[in-house]
Amino acid sequence: AYTREPSKVIGSTETDDFPATFWITQPSTHMIGNVAAGSQSSGFWLEASLRFPGAGLAINQGVTPKFLPLGPWVNNTSHSNWGNGVAFYPIGYMP
């Protein structure tokens, strides 16, 4: 996949300005057998914030991604990306 940067800056409070082939907001997602290649930034981007993008949905009530454990990461490959193979945001995520 060729994951490109946006043509304009989206906003100073958004992280969408850094494209990733896989953009993960739920740390406990099972990531098994994926290939992330050709991004203008990261192959895998894990954003473990204090709330989900859909925090208002009933299924997300009381869940804080920043404190969720990291789910299984097995046989994933990241190559030929312009930036990191795997990036964590915010920096310092420690499940």
Protein backbone atom coordinates (compact mmCIF):
# COMPACT_ATOMS: atom_id res chain seq x y z
CA ALA A 1 0.00 0.00 0.00
CA TYR A 2 1.20 3.51 -0.73
CA THR A 3 0.06 5.56 2.25
CA ARG A 4 0.56 9.25 1.49
CA GLU A 5 0.79 12.37 3.61
CA PRO A 6 -2.24 14.70 3.50
CA SER A 7 -2.04 17.54 1.00
CA LYS A 8 -2.51 20.08 3.80
CA VAL A 9 -2.04 20.11 7.57
CA ILE A 10 -5.21 18.87 9.22
CA GLY A 11 -4.80 20.59 12.57
CA SER A 12 -2.32 21.17 15.36
CA THR A 13 -4.23 18.90 17.76
CA GLU A 14 -4.58 16.03 15.29
CA THR A 15 -2.11 13.25 14.58
CA ASP A 16 -3.53 12.54 11.12
CA ASP A 17 -0.67 14.47 9.52
CA PHE A 18 1.51 11.37 9.87
CA PRO A 19 0.18 8.61 7.61
CA ALA A 20 0.44 4.95 8.56
CA THR A 21 -0.56 1.81 6.73
CA PHE A 22 -2.15 0.55 9.96
CA TRP A 23 -3.61 3.15 12.35
CA ILE A 24 -4.55 1.45 15.61
CA THR A 25 -6.47 3.21 18.40
CA GLN A 26 -7.31 0.08 20.40
CA PRO A 27 -4.04 -1.30 21.90
CA SER A 28 -5.52 -4.72 22.63
CA THR A 29 -6.24 -5.34 18.93
CA HIS A 30 -4.91 -8.70 17.74
CA MET A 31 -2.32 -7.88 15.07
CA ILE A 32 -1.37 -11.14 13.40
CA GLY A 33 0.29 -11.68 10.01
CA ASN A 34 0.15 -8.11 8.64
CA VAL A 35 2.52 -6.38 6.22
CA ALA A 36 2.94 -2.60 6.32
CA ALA A 37 5.00 -1.27 3.42
CA GLY A 38 5.36 1.93 1.43
CA SER A 39 4.04 4.54 3.85
CA GLN A 40 5.31 8.11 3.72
CA SER A 41 5.59 7.85 7.50
CA SER A 42 5.06 4.78 9.71
CA GLY A 43 4.03 1.25 8.88
CA PHE A 44 2.12 0.74 12.14
CA TRP A 45 0.89 3.65 14.28
CA LEU A 46 -0.52 2.85 17.71
CA GLU A 47 -2.30 5.81 19.26
CA ALA A 48 -3.07 5.04 22.88
CA SER A 49 -4.73 8.26 23.98
CA LEU A 50 -6.90 8.99 26.97
CA ARG A 51 -10.02 8.38 24.86
CA PHE A 52 -11.08 6.62 21.66
CA PRO A 53 -12.00 8.64 18.56
CA GLY A 54 -15.55 7.32 19.11
CA ALA A 55 -15.52 7.89 22.87
CA GLY A 56 -19.19 8.88 22.88
CA LEU A 57 -20.30 5.42 21.75
CA ALA A 58 -21.76 3.18 24.45
CA ILE A 59 -19.28 0.38 23.70
CA ASN A 60 -16.38 2.71 24.60
CA GLN A 61 -17.77 4.06 27.86
CA GLY A 62 -15.30 3.71 30.73
CA VAL A 63 -12.46 2.47 28.49
CA THR A 64 -9.17 4.37 28.41
CA PRO A 65 -6.90 3.15 25.59
CA LYS A 66 -3.76 4.49 27.26
CA PHE A 67 -4.12 1.94 30.05
CA LEU A 68 -5.13 -1.10 28.01
CA PRO A 69 -2.63 -3.95 27.60
CA LEU A 70 -1.02 -4.49 24.23
CA GLY A 71 -2.70 -7.33 22.36
CA PRO A 72 -0.77 -10.04 20.52
CA TRP A 73 1.63 -8.88 17.79
CA VAL A 74 2.70 -11.96 15.85
CA ASN A 75 4.40 -12.30 12.44
CA ASN A 76 3.95 -8.66 11.42
CA THR A 77 6.36 -7.05 8.96
CA SER A 78 7.07 -3.40 8.30
CA HIS A 79 9.41 -2.37 5.48
CA SER A 80 10.10 0.32 2.88
CA ASN A 81 8.40 3.02 4.95
CA TRP A 82 9.85 6.53 5.01
CA GLY A 83 9.59 6.71 8.81
CA ASN A 84 9.34 4.24 11.68
CA GLY A 85 8.31 0.65 11.24
CA VAL A 86 6.18 0.97 14.40
CA ALA A 87 5.33 4.29 16.08
CA PHE A 88 3.61 4.85 19.43
CA TYR A 89 1.69 8.01 20.27
CA PRO A 90 1.80 9.56 22.70
CA ILE A 91 5.42 8.68 23.34
CA GLY A 92 5.79 6.68 26.51
CA TYR A 93 2.89 4.22 26.14
CA MET A 94 3.63 1.48 28.64
CA PRO A 95 0.95 -1.15 28.93
